[in-house]
PDB file of N, CA and C in Angstrom:
ATOM      1  N   MET A   1     -16.460  85.944 -12.193  1.00  0.00           N
ATOM      2  CA  MET A   1     -16.684  86.792 -10.991  1.00  0.00           C
ATOM      3  C   MET A   1     -15.538  87.900 -10.623  1.00  0.00           C
ATOM      4  N   ALA A   2     -15.786  88.926 -10.725  1.00  0.00           N
ATOM      5  CA  ALA A   2     -14.968  90.045 -10.420  1.00  0.00           C
ATOM      6  C   ALA A   2     -15.369  90.654  -8.862  1.00  0.00           C
ATOM      7  N   PHE A   3     -13.909  90.751  -8.446  1.00  0.00           N
ATOM      8  CA  PHE A   3     -14.469  91.626  -7.095  1.00  0.00           C
ATOM      9  C   PHE A   3     -13.839  92.886  -7.201  1.00  0.00           C
ATOM     10  N   ARG A   4     -14.318  93.682  -6.693  1.00  0.00           N
ATOM     11  CA  ARG A   4     -14.072  95.202  -6.354  1.00  0.00           C
ATOM     12  C   ARG A   4     -13.161  95.203  -4.958  1.00  0.00           C
ATOM     13  N   VAL A   5     -12.346  95.651  -5.031  1.00  0.00           N
ATOM     14  CA  VAL A   5     -11.601  95.315  -3.804  1.00  0.00           C
ATOM     15  C   VAL A   5     -10.601  96.944  -3.562  1.00  0.00           C
ATOM     16  N   ASN A   6     -10.901  97.362  -2.666  1.00  0.00           N
ATOM     17  CA  ASN A   6     -10.582  98.698  -2.060  1.00  0.00           C
ATOM     18  C   ASN A   6      -9.373  98.320  -1.151  1.00  0.00           C
ATOM     19  N   ILE A   7      -7.932  99.009  -1.426  1.00  0.00           N
ATOM     20  CA  ILE A   7      -6.862  98.566  -0.858  1.00  0.00           C
ATOM     21  C   ILE A   7      -6.553  99.840   0.066  1.00  0.00           C
ATOM     22  N   SER A   8      -6.536  99.682   1.218  1.00  0.00           N
ATOM     23  CA  SER A   8      -5.753 100.285   2.643  1.00  0.00           C
ATOM     24  C   SER A   8      -4.948  99.681   3.735  1.00  0.00           C
ATOM     25  N   THR A   9      -3.918 100.504   3.948  1.00  0.00           N
ATOM     26  CA  THR A   9      -3.656 100.090   4.959  1.00  0.00           C
ATOM     27  C   THR A   9      -4.177  99.850   6.464  1.00  0.00           C
ATOM     28  N   SER A  10      -5.319 100.311   6.677  1.00  0.00           N
ATOM     29  CA  SER A  10      -6.094  99.801   7.850  1.00  0.00           C
ATOM     30  C   SER A  10      -6.537  98.652   7.688  1.00  0.00           C
ATOM     31  N   TYR A  11      -6.729  97.693   6.489  1.00  0.00           N
ATOM     32  CA  TYR A  11      -7.009  96.280   6.510  1.00  0.00           C
ATOM     33  C   TYR A  11      -5.914  95.526   7.038  1.00  0.00           C
ATOM     34  N   VAL A  12      -4.697  96.094   6.519  1.00  0.00           N
ATOM     35  CA  VAL A  12      -3.402  94.900   6.637  1.00  0.00           C
ATOM     36  C   VAL A  12      -3.194  95.489   8.318  1.00  0.00           C
ATOM     37  N   GLU A  13      -3.085  96.292   8.659  1.00  0.00           N
ATOM     38  CA  GLU A  13      -3.188  96.716   9.771  1.00  0.00           C
ATOM     39  C   GLU A  13      -4.037  95.826  11.246  1.00  0.00           C
ATOM     40  N   ARG A  14      -5.307  95.877  10.508  1.00  0.00           N
ATOM     41  CA  ARG A  14      -6.109  95.143  11.320  1.00  0.00           C
ATOM     42  C   ARG A  14      -5.742  93.817  11.636  1.00  0.00           C
ATOM     43  N   GLN A  15      -5.037  93.422  10.308  1.00  0.00           N
ATOM     44  CA  GLN A  15      -4.901  91.968  10.300  1.00  0.00           C
ATOM     45  C   GLN A  15      -3.871  91.354  11.167  1.00  0.00           C
ATOM     46  N   ASN A  16      -2.804  92.463  11.271  1.00  0.00           N
ATOM     47  CA  ASN A  16      -1.498  92.123  11.771  1.00  0.00           C
ATOM     48  C   ASN A  16      -1.946  92.231  13.377  1.00  0.00           C
ATOM     49  N   LEU A  17      -2.628  93.151  13.704  1.00  0.00           N
ATOM     50  CA  LEU A  17      -3.246  93.406  15.241  1.00  0.00           C
ATOM     51  C   LEU A  17      -3.860  92.272  15.340  1.00  0.00           C
ATOM     52  N   THR A  18      -5.050  91.477  14.863  1.00  0.00           N
ATOM     53  CA  THR A  18      -5.305  90.032  15.053  1.00  0.00           C
ATOM     54  C   THR A  18      -4.520  89.167  15.441  1.00  0.00           C
ATOM     55  N   LEU A  19      -3.745  89.051  14.405  1.00  0.00           N
ATOM     56  CA  LEU A  19      -2.575  87.879  14.543  1.00  0.00           C
ATOM     57  C   LEU A  19      -1.819  87.934  15.496  1.00  0.00           C
ATOM     58  N   ARG A  20      -0.906  89.139  15.972  1.00  0.00           N
ATOM     59  CA  ARG A  20      -0.444  89.171  16.905  1.00  0.00           C
ATOM     60  C   ARG A  20      -1.150  89.079  18.684  1.00  0.00           C
ATOM     61  N   MET A  21      -2.125  89.607  18.442  1.00  0.00           N
ATOM     62  CA  MET A  21      -3.609  89.355  19.628  1.00  0.00           C
ATOM     63  C   MET A  21      -3.727  87.763  20.116  1.00  0.00           C
ATOM     64  N   THR A  22      -3.899  87.223  19.111  1.00  0.00           N
ATOM     65  CA  THR A  22      -4.230  85.803  18.986  1.00  0.00           C
ATOM     66  C   THR A  22      -2.879  84.841  18.758  1.00  0.00           C
ATOM     67  N   GLN A  23      -2.052  85.134  18.660  1.00  0.00           N
ATOM     68  CA  GLN A  23      -0.868  84.095  18.749  1.00  0.00           C
ATOM     69  C   GLN A  23       0.147  84.812  19.297  1.00  0.00           C
ATOM     70  N   ARG A  24       0.481  84.413  20.927  1.00  0.00           N
ATOM     71  CA  ARG A  24       1.396  84.641  21.557  1.00  0.00           C
ATOM     72  C   ARG A  24       2.705  84.486  21.617  1.00  0.00           C
ATOM     73  N   ARG A  25       3.030  83.734  20.214  1.00  0.00           N
ATOM     74  CA  ARG A  25       4.225  83.392  19.735  1.00  0.00           C
ATOM     75  C   ARG A  25       5.056  84.519  19.249  1.00  0.00           C
ATOM     76  N   PHE A  26       4.305  85.654  18.747  1.00  0.00           N
ATOM     77  CA  PHE A  26       4.864  86.899  18.425  1.00  0.00           C
ATOM     78  C   PHE A  26       5.490  87.491  19.669  1.00  0.00           C
ATOM     79  N   ALA A  27       5.091  87.299  20.739  1.00  0.00           N
ATOM     80  CA  ALA A  27       5.571  88.246  21.671  1.00  0.00           C
ATOM     81  C   ALA A  27       6.963  87.449  22.331  1.00  0.00           C
ATOM     82  N   ARG A  28       7.789  87.963  22.474  1.00  0.00           N
ATOM     83  CA  ARG A  28       9.150  87.197  22.890  1.00  0.00           C
ATOM     84  C   ARG A  28       9.002  86.799  24.364  1.00  0.00           C
ATOM     85  N   LEU A  29       8.404  87.642  25.048  1.00  0.00           N
ATOM     86  CA  LEU A  29       8.351  86.969  26.606  1.00  0.00           C
ATOM     87  C   LEU A  29       7.611  85.986  26.939  1.00  0.00           C
ATOM     88  N   THR A  30       7.089  85.077  26.022  1.00  0.00           N
ATOM     89  CA  THR A  30       5.775  84.341  26.371  1.00  0.00           C
ATOM     90  C   THR A  30       6.242  82.605  26.420  1.00  0.00           C
ATOM     91  N   ASN A  31       5.861  81.979  26.807  1.00  0.00           N
ATOM     92  CA  ASN A  31       6.248  80.359  27.250  1.00  0.00           C
ATOM     93  C   ASN A  31       6.036  79.917  25.520  1.00  0.00           C
ATOM     94  N   GLY A  32       5.167  80.557  24.387  1.00  0.00           N
ATOM     95  CA  GLY A  32       5.037  79.862  23.512  1.00  0.00           C
ATOM     96  C   GLY A  32       5.947  80.533  22.415  1.00  0.00           C
ATOM     97  N   PHE A  33       6.699  81.343  22.803  1.00  0.00           N
ATOM     98  CA  PHE A  33       7.747  82.038  21.916  1.00  0.00           C
ATOM     99  C   PHE A  33       8.750  81.164  20.984  1.00  0.00           C
ATOM    100  N   SER A  34       8.618  80.955  19.590  1.00  0.00           N
ATOM    101  CA  SER A  34       9.138  80.021  18.775  1.00  0.00           C
ATOM    102  C   SER A  34      10.763  79.989  18.383  1.00  0.00           C
ATOM    103  N   LYS A  35      11.334  79.238  18.968  1.00  0.00           N
ATOM    104  CA  LYS A  35      13.135  79.086  18.807  1.00  0.00           C
ATOM    105  C   LYS A  35      13.417  78.615  17.251  1.00  0.00           C
ATOM    106  N   LYS A  36      12.432  77.911  16.891  1.00  0.00           N
ATOM    107  CA  LYS A  36      12.994  77.371  15.577  1.00  0.00           C
ATOM    108  C   LYS A  36      11.788  77.943  14.488  1.00  0.00           C
ATOM    109  N   LEU A  37      12.209  78.000  13.487  1.00  0.00           N
ATOM    110  CA  LEU A  37      11.721  79.098  12.416  1.00  0.00           C
ATOM    111  C   LEU A  37      10.532  78.075  11.881  1.00  0.00           C
ATOM    112  N   ALA A  38      11.028  76.519  11.692  1.00  0.00           N
ATOM    113  CA  ALA A  38      10.338  75.797  11.348  1.00  0.00           C
ATOM    114  C   ALA A  38       8.630  75.479  11.849  1.00  0.00           C
ATOM    115  N   ASN A  39       9.035  75.680  13.123  1.00  0.00           N
ATOM    116  CA  ASN A  39       7.733  75.519  14.391  1.00  0.00           C
ATOM    117  C   ASN A  39       7.126  76.832  14.335  1.00  0.00           C
ATOM    118  N   HIS A  40       7.832  77.813  14.143  1.00  0.00           N
ATOM    119  CA  HIS A  40       6.868  79.442  13.966  1.00  0.00           C
ATOM    120  C   HIS A  40       6.209  79.077  12.472  1.00  0.00           C
ATOM    121  N   GLU A  41       6.481  78.703  11.399  1.00  0.00           N
ATOM    122  CA  GLU A  41       5.958  78.621  10.182  1.00  0.00           C
ATOM    123  C   GLU A  41       4.392  77.817  10.108  1.00  0.00           C
ATOM    124  N   ALA A  42       5.057  76.831  11.028  1.00  0.00           N
ATOM    125  CA  ALA A  42       4.011  75.414  11.217  1.00  0.00           C
ATOM    126  C   ALA A  42       2.773  76.290  11.862  1.00  0.00           C
ATOM    127  N   ALA A  43       2.784  77.025  12.859  1.00  0.00           N
ATOM    128  CA  ALA A  43       2.155  77.746  13.992  1.00  0.00           C
ATOM    129  C   ALA A  43       1.353  78.614  13.201  1.00  0.00           C
ATOM    130  N   VAL A  44       1.818  79.352  12.228  1.00  0.00           N
ATOM    131  CA  VAL A  44       1.205  80.643  11.680  1.00  0.00           C
ATOM    132  C   VAL A  44       0.301  80.026  10.499  1.00  0.00           C
ATOM    133  N   SER A  45       0.520  79.244   9.858  1.00  0.00           N
ATOM    134  CA  SER A  45      -0.021  78.367   8.719  1.00  0.00           C
ATOM    135  C   SER A  45      -1.116  77.748   9.596  1.00  0.00           C
ATOM    136  N   LEU A  46      -1.087  76.910  10.508  1.00  0.00           N
ATOM    137  CA  LEU A  46      -2.526  76.656  10.992  1.00  0.00           C
ATOM    138  C   LEU A  46      -3.225  77.784  11.838  1.00  0.00           C
ATOM    139  N   TYR A  47      -2.693  78.895  12.079  1.00  0.00           N
ATOM    140  CA  TYR A  47      -3.949  79.810  12.791  1.00  0.00           C
ATOM    141  C   TYR A  47      -4.413  80.283  11.453  1.00  0.00           C
ATOM    142  N   VAL A  48      -3.588  80.465  10.176  1.00  0.00           N
ATOM    143  CA  VAL A  48      -4.351  81.268   8.925  1.00  0.00           C
ATOM    144  C   VAL A  48      -5.476  80.213   8.315  1.00  0.00           C
ATOM    145  N   ALA A  49      -4.949  78.919   8.496  1.00  0.00           N
ATOM    146  CA  ALA A  49      -6.022  77.949   7.670  1.00  0.00           C
ATOM    147  C   ALA A  49      -7.010  78.236   8.988  1.00  0.00           C
ATOM    148  N   HIS A  50      -7.278  78.044  10.302  1.00  0.00           N
ATOM    149  CA  HIS A  50      -8.386  78.061  11.241  1.00  0.00           C
ATOM    150  C   HIS A  50      -8.861  79.488  10.850  1.00  0.00           C
ATOM    151  N   TYR A  51      -8.750  80.500  10.897  1.00  0.00           N
ATOM    152  CA  TYR A  51      -8.728  82.014  10.561  1.00  0.00           C
ATOM    153  C   TYR A  51      -9.853  82.074   9.078  1.00  0.00           C
ATOM    154  N   ASN A  52      -9.151  81.325   8.448  1.00  0.00           N
ATOM    155  CA  ASN A  52      -9.853  81.299   6.892  1.00  0.00           C
ATOM    156  C   ASN A  52     -10.949  80.209   6.634  1.00  0.00           C
ATOM    157  N   LEU A  53     -11.041  79.116   7.535  1.00  0.00           N
ATOM    158  CA  LEU A  53     -11.720  78.053   7.001  1.00  0.00           C
ATOM    159  C   LEU A  53     -12.912  77.934   8.251  1.00  0.00           C
ATOM    160  N   CYS A  54     -12.258  78.068   9.345  1.00  0.00           N
ATOM    161  CA  CYS A  54     -13.228  77.275  10.425  1.00  0.00           C
ATOM    162  C   CYS A  54     -13.753  78.541  11.113  1.00  0.00           C
ATOM    163  N   ARG A  55     -13.292  79.724  11.339  1.00  0.00           N
ATOM    164  CA  ARG A  55     -13.709  80.476  11.891  1.00  0.00           C
ATOM    165  C   ARG A  55     -14.801  81.376  11.217  1.00  0.00           C
ATOM    166  N   VAL A  56     -15.898  81.108  11.794  1.00  0.00           N
ATOM    167  CA  VAL A  56     -17.157  81.932  11.180  1.00  0.00           C
ATOM    168  C   VAL A  56     -16.763  83.802  11.708  1.00  0.00           C
ATOM    169  N   HIS A  57     -16.857  84.915  10.829  1.00  0.00           N
ATOM    170  CA  HIS A  57     -16.677  86.074  10.884  1.00  0.00           C
ATOM    171  C   HIS A  57     -17.987  86.791  11.305  1.00  0.00           C
ATOM    172  N   GLU A  58     -17.989  87.425  12.280  1.00  0.00           N
ATOM    173  CA  GLU A  58     -19.379  88.397  12.487  1.00  0.00           C
ATOM    174  C   GLU A  58     -19.644  88.978  11.326  1.00  0.00           C
ATOM    175  N   ALA A  59     -18.673  90.084  10.753  1.00  0.00           N
ATOM    176  CA  ALA A  59     -19.216  90.706   9.636  1.00  0.00           C
ATOM    177  C   ALA A  59     -19.744  90.157   8.476  1.00  0.00           C
ATOM    178  N   LEU A  60     -18.696  89.153   8.092  1.00  0.00           N
ATOM    179  CA  LEU A  60     -19.475  88.206   7.044  1.00  0.00           C
ATOM    180  C   LEU A  60     -20.442  86.751   7.026  1.00  0.00           C
ATOM    181  N   ARG A  61     -20.647  86.871   8.212  1.00  0.00           N
ATOM    182  CA  ARG A  61     -21.467  85.877   8.897  1.00  0.00           C
ATOM    183  C   ARG A  61     -21.465  84.667   8.214  1.00  0.00           C
ATOM    184  N   THR A  62     -20.472  84.274   7.874  1.00  0.00           N
ATOM    185  CA  THR A  62     -19.686  83.453   7.168  1.00  0.00           C
ATOM    186  C   THR A  62     -18.103  83.004   7.338  1.00  0.00           C
ATOM    187  N   THR A  63     -17.474  81.967   6.859  1.00  0.00           N
ATOM    188  CA  THR A  63     -15.777  81.846   6.908  1.00  0.00           C
ATOM    189  C   THR A  63     -15.101  82.536   5.627  1.00  0.00           C
ATOM    190  N   PRO A  64     -14.374  83.246   5.658  1.00  0.00           N
ATOM    191  CA  PRO A  64     -13.874  83.930   4.391  1.00  0.00           C
ATOM    192  C   PRO A  64     -13.755  82.422   3.161  1.00  0.00           C
ATOM    193  N   GLY A  65     -13.172  81.521   3.550  1.00  0.00           N
ATOM    194  CA  GLY A  65     -12.958  80.675   2.337  1.00  0.00           C
ATOM    195  C   GLY A  65     -14.410  80.584   1.786  1.00  0.00           C
ATOM    196  N   ILE A  66     -15.898  80.439   2.462  1.00  0.00           N
ATOM    197  CA  ILE A  66     -16.880  80.269   1.617  1.00  0.00           C
ATOM    198  C   ILE A  66     -17.119  81.530   1.206  1.00  0.00           C
ATOM    199  N   ALA A  67     -17.000  82.852   1.428  1.00  0.00           N
ATOM    200  CA  ALA A  67     -17.134  83.911   1.191  1.00  0.00           C
ATOM    201  C   ALA A  67     -16.231  84.122  -0.657  1.00  0.00           C
ATOM    202  N   LEU A  68     -15.259  83.617  -0.381  1.00  0.00           N
ATOM    203  CA  LEU A  68     -14.598  83.341  -1.703  1.00  0.00           C
ATOM    204  C   LEU A  68     -14.949  82.645  -2.663  1.00  0.00           C
ATOM    205  N   GLY A  69     -15.295  81.512  -1.884  1.00  0.00           N
ATOM    206  CA  GLY A  69     -15.599  80.345  -3.074  1.00  0.00           C
ATOM    207  C   GLY A  69     -14.691  79.418  -3.108  1.00  0.00           C
ATOM    208  N   ILE A  70     -13.995  79.283  -1.778  1.00  0.00           N
ATOM    209  CA  ILE A  70     -13.034  78.774  -1.747  1.00  0.00           C
ATOM    210  C   ILE A  70     -13.291  76.771  -1.452  1.00  0.00           C
ATOM    211  N   THR A  71     -14.178  76.988  -0.461  1.00  0.00           N
ATOM    212  CA  THR A  71     -14.686  75.941   0.344  1.00  0.00           C
ATOM    213  C   THR A  71     -16.164  76.095   0.063  1.00  0.00           C
ATOM    214  N   ASP A  72     -17.182  74.965   0.127  1.00  0.00           N
ATOM    215  CA  ASP A  72     -18.475  75.067   0.462  1.00  0.00           C
ATOM    216  C   ASP A  72     -19.132  74.821   1.816  1.00  0.00           C
ATOM    217  N   ARG A  73     -18.518  74.691   3.101  1.00  0.00           N
ATOM    218  CA  ARG A  73     -18.753  74.253   4.013  1.00  0.00           C
ATOM    219  C   ARG A  73     -17.988  75.071   5.128  1.00  0.00           C
ATOM    220  N   VAL A  74     -18.435  75.100   6.178  1.00  0.00           N
ATOM    221  CA  VAL A  74     -17.270  75.764   7.515  1.00  0.00           C
ATOM    222  C   VAL A  74     -16.887  74.102   8.084  1.00  0.00           C
ATOM    223  N   TRP A  75     -14.889  74.634   7.931  1.00  0.00           N
ATOM    224  CA  TRP A  75     -14.674  73.286   8.311  1.00  0.00           C
ATOM    225  C   TRP A  75     -14.479  73.372   9.865  1.00  0.00           C
ATOM    226  N   THR A  76     -14.626  71.878  10.361  1.00  0.00           N
ATOM    227  CA  THR A  76     -14.512  71.890  12.093  1.00  0.00           C
ATOM    228  C   THR A  76     -12.689  71.612  11.875  1.00  0.00           C
ATOM    229  N   ILE A  77     -12.630  71.753  13.643  1.00  0.00           N
ATOM    230  CA  ILE A  77     -11.190  71.306  13.960  1.00  0.00           C
ATOM    231  C   ILE A  77     -10.794  70.059  13.502  1.00  0.00           C
ATOM    232  N   GLY A  78     -11.458  69.148  13.446  1.00  0.00           N
ATOM    233  CA  GLY A  78     -11.019  67.392  13.364  1.00  0.00           C
ATOM    234  C   GLY A  78     -10.753  67.798  11.375  1.00  0.00           C
ATOM    235  N   ASP A  79     -11.677  68.406  10.553  1.00  0.00           N
ATOM    236  CA  ASP A  79     -11.411  68.347   9.210  1.00  0.00           C
ATOM    237  C   ASP A  79     -10.209  69.307   9.077  1.00  0.00           C
ATOM    238  N   LEU A  80      -9.661  70.127   9.832  1.00  0.00           N
ATOM    239  CA  LEU A  80      -8.328  70.902   9.554  1.00  0.00           C
ATOM    240  C   LEU A  80      -7.387  69.836  10.016  1.00  0.00           C
ATOM    241  N   ILE A  81      -7.199  69.353  11.064  1.00  0.00           N
ATOM    242  CA  ILE A  81      -6.165  68.056  11.418  1.00  0.00           C
ATOM    243  C   ILE A  81      -5.845  67.001  10.520  1.00  0.00           C
ATOM    244  N   ASP A  82      -7.377  66.604  10.156  1.00  0.00           N
ATOM    245  CA  ASP A  82      -7.179  65.498   8.885  1.00  0.00           C
ATOM    246  C   ASP A  82      -6.567  65.989   7.410  1.00  0.00           C
ATOM    247  N   ALA A  83      -6.731  67.121   7.191  1.00  0.00           N
ATOM    248  CA  ALA A  83      -6.362  68.040   5.820  1.00  0.00           C
ATOM    249  C   ALA A  83      -4.884  68.430   6.238  1.00  0.00           C
ATOM    250  N   VAL A  84      -4.131  68.611   7.267  1.00  0.00           N
ATOM    251  CA  VAL A  84      -2.906  68.711   7.969  1.00  0.00           C
ATOM    252  C   VAL A  84      -1.973  67.669   7.870  1.00  0.00           C
ATOM    253  N   LEU A  85      -2.623  66.576   8.458  1.00  0.00           N
ATOM    254  CA  LEU A  85      -1.575  65.079   9.131  1.00  0.00           C
ATOM    255  C   LEU A  85      -1.115  64.582   7.774  1.00  0.00           C
ATOM    256  N   PRO A  86      -2.024  64.543   6.488  1.00  0.00           N
ATOM    257  CA  PRO A  86      -1.204  63.322   5.418  1.00  0.00           C
ATOM    258  C   PRO A  86      -0.156  64.461   4.852  1.00  0.00           C
ATOM    259  N   LEU A  87       0.172  65.455   5.449  1.00  0.00           N
ATOM    260  CA  LEU A  87       1.471  66.233   4.939  1.00  0.00           C
ATOM    261  C   LEU A  87       2.810  65.924   5.663  1.00  0.00           C
ATOM    262  N   GLU A  88       2.584  65.270   6.426  1.00  0.00           N
ATOM    263  CA  GLU A  88       4.094  64.866   7.280  1.00  0.00           C
ATOM    264  C   GLU A  88       4.866  64.427   6.580  1.00  0.00           C
ATOM    265  N   PRO A  89       6.043  64.453   6.105  1.00  0.00           N
ATOM    266  CA  PRO A  89       7.139  63.942   5.862  1.00  0.00           C
ATOM    267  C   PRO A  89       7.334  62.133   5.875  1.00  0.00           C
ATOM    268  N   ASN A  90       7.354  61.414   5.017  1.00  0.00           N
ATOM    269  CA  ASN A  90       8.082  59.926   5.344  1.00  0.00           C
ATOM    270  C   ASN A  90       6.444  59.355   5.478  1.00  0.00           C
ATOM    271  N   ARG A  91       5.381  60.105   5.014  1.00  0.00           N
ATOM    272  CA  ARG A  91       3.885  59.376   5.000  1.00  0.00           C
ATOM    273  C   ARG A  91       3.803  58.831   3.888  1.00  0.00           C
ATOM    274  N   PRO A  92       3.628  57.296   3.754  1.00  0.00           N
ATOM    275  CA  PRO A  92       3.623  56.546   2.484  1.00  0.00           C
ATOM    276  C   PRO A  92       2.045  56.726   1.916  1.00  0.00           C
ATOM    277  N   VAL A  93       1.262  56.414   2.918  1.00  0.00           N
ATOM    278  CA  VAL A  93      -0.307  56.468   2.574  1.00  0.00           C
ATOM    279  C   VAL A  93      -0.972  57.535   3.263  1.00  0.00           C
ATOM    280  N   ARG A  94      -1.839  58.277   2.763  1.00  0.00           N
ATOM    281  CA  ARG A  94      -2.817  58.968   3.685  1.00  0.00           C
ATOM    282  C   ARG A  94      -4.012  58.469   4.668  1.00  0.00           C
ATOM    283  N   VAL A  95      -3.892  58.625   5.644  1.00  0.00           N
ATOM    284  CA  VAL A  95      -4.680  57.638   6.687  1.00  0.00           C
ATOM    285  C   VAL A  95      -5.861  58.567   7.008  1.00  0.00           C
ATOM    286  N   LYS A  96      -6.994  58.722   6.711  1.00  0.00           N
ATOM    287  CA  LYS A  96      -7.912  59.346   7.391  1.00  0.00           C
ATOM    288  C   LYS A  96      -8.408  59.159   8.865  1.00  0.00           C
ATOM    289  N   ARG A  97      -8.154  60.323   9.479  1.00  0.00           N
ATOM    290  CA  ARG A  97      -8.298  59.960  10.767  1.00  0.00           C
ATOM    291  C   ARG A  97      -9.656  60.866  10.947  1.00  0.00           C
ATOM    292  N   ASN A  98     -10.658  60.350  11.958  1.00  0.00           N
ATOM    293  CA  ASN A  98     -12.053  61.138  12.254  1.00  0.00           C
ATOM    294  C   ASN A  98     -12.220  61.388  13.585  1.00  0.00           C
ATOM    295  N   PHE A  99     -11.377  62.856  13.774  1.00  0.00           N
ATOM    296  CA  PHE A  99     -11.071  63.597  14.719  1.00  0.00           C
ATOM    297  C   PHE A  99     -12.440  64.134  14.939  1.00  0.00           C
ATOM    298  N   ARG A 100     -12.786  64.365  16.236  1.00  0.00           N
ATOM    299  CA  ARG A 100     -13.984  64.752  16.771  1.00  0.00           C
ATOM    300  C   ARG A 100     -13.569  65.852  17.870  1.00  0.00           C
ATOM    301  N   VAL A 101     -14.600  67.012  17.945  1.00  0.00           N
ATOM    302  CA  VAL A 101     -14.116  68.231  18.976  1.00  0.00           C
ATOM    303  C   VAL A 101     -15.270  68.004  19.981  1.00  0.00           C
ATOM    304  N   ILE A 102     -14.743  67.412  21.266  1.00  0.00           N
ATOM    305  CA  ILE A 102     -15.516  67.642  22.347  1.00  0.00           C
ATOM    306  C   ILE A 102     -15.980  68.983  23.059  1.00  0.00           C
ATOM    307  N   ASP A 103     -17.490  68.976  22.489  1.00  0.00           N
ATOM    308  CA  ASP A 103     -17.649  70.246  23.433  1.00  0.00           C
ATOM    309  C   ASP A 103     -18.260  70.141  25.076  1.00  0.00           C
ATOM    310  N   GLY A 104     -17.480  70.353  26.088  1.00  0.00           N
ATOM    311  CA  GLY A 104     -17.500  70.289  27.478  1.00  0.00           C
ATOM    312  C   GLY A 104     -18.509  70.748  28.289  1.00  0.00           C
ATOM    313  N   GLU A 105     -19.606  72.004  27.351  1.00  0.00           N
ATOM    314  CA  GLU A 105     -20.645  72.189  27.980  1.00  0.00           C
ATOM    315  C   GLU A 105     -21.628  71.665  27.630  1.00  0.00           C
ATOM    316  N   LYS A 106     -21.939  70.403  26.449  1.00  0.00           N
ATOM    317  CA  LYS A 106     -23.060  69.786  26.448  1.00  0.00           C
ATOM    318  C   LYS A 106     -22.771  68.514  27.250  1.00  0.00           C
ATOM    319  N   ALA A 107     -24.267  68.045  27.703  1.00  0.00           N
ATOM    320  CA  ALA A 107     -23.853  66.706  28.435  1.00  0.00           C
ATOM    321  C   ALA A 107     -23.928  65.772  27.843  1.00  0.00           C
TER     322      ALA A 107
END
């Protein structure tokens, strides 16, 4: 399947604005400012994964991951954490953790 892509700086600028507005660590005067590059890289990677796999976009009405055929379902935060934690260094075996997100609105 071939995709036709329109290239425009407005797409890049929109993505940069979304990243800056949702990740306060890009603003130096906040508590979340990253002093170490490794912490900054981890935070941005987690944001990008959430943005593409967990967040349903209004215009697409699905996630970008599903729209591109990378995944077949919307990931939960628990799925994302389960996928990231086995990447910890010095971890000999993959441990499946079943994290659940508790919705405070539902009783």
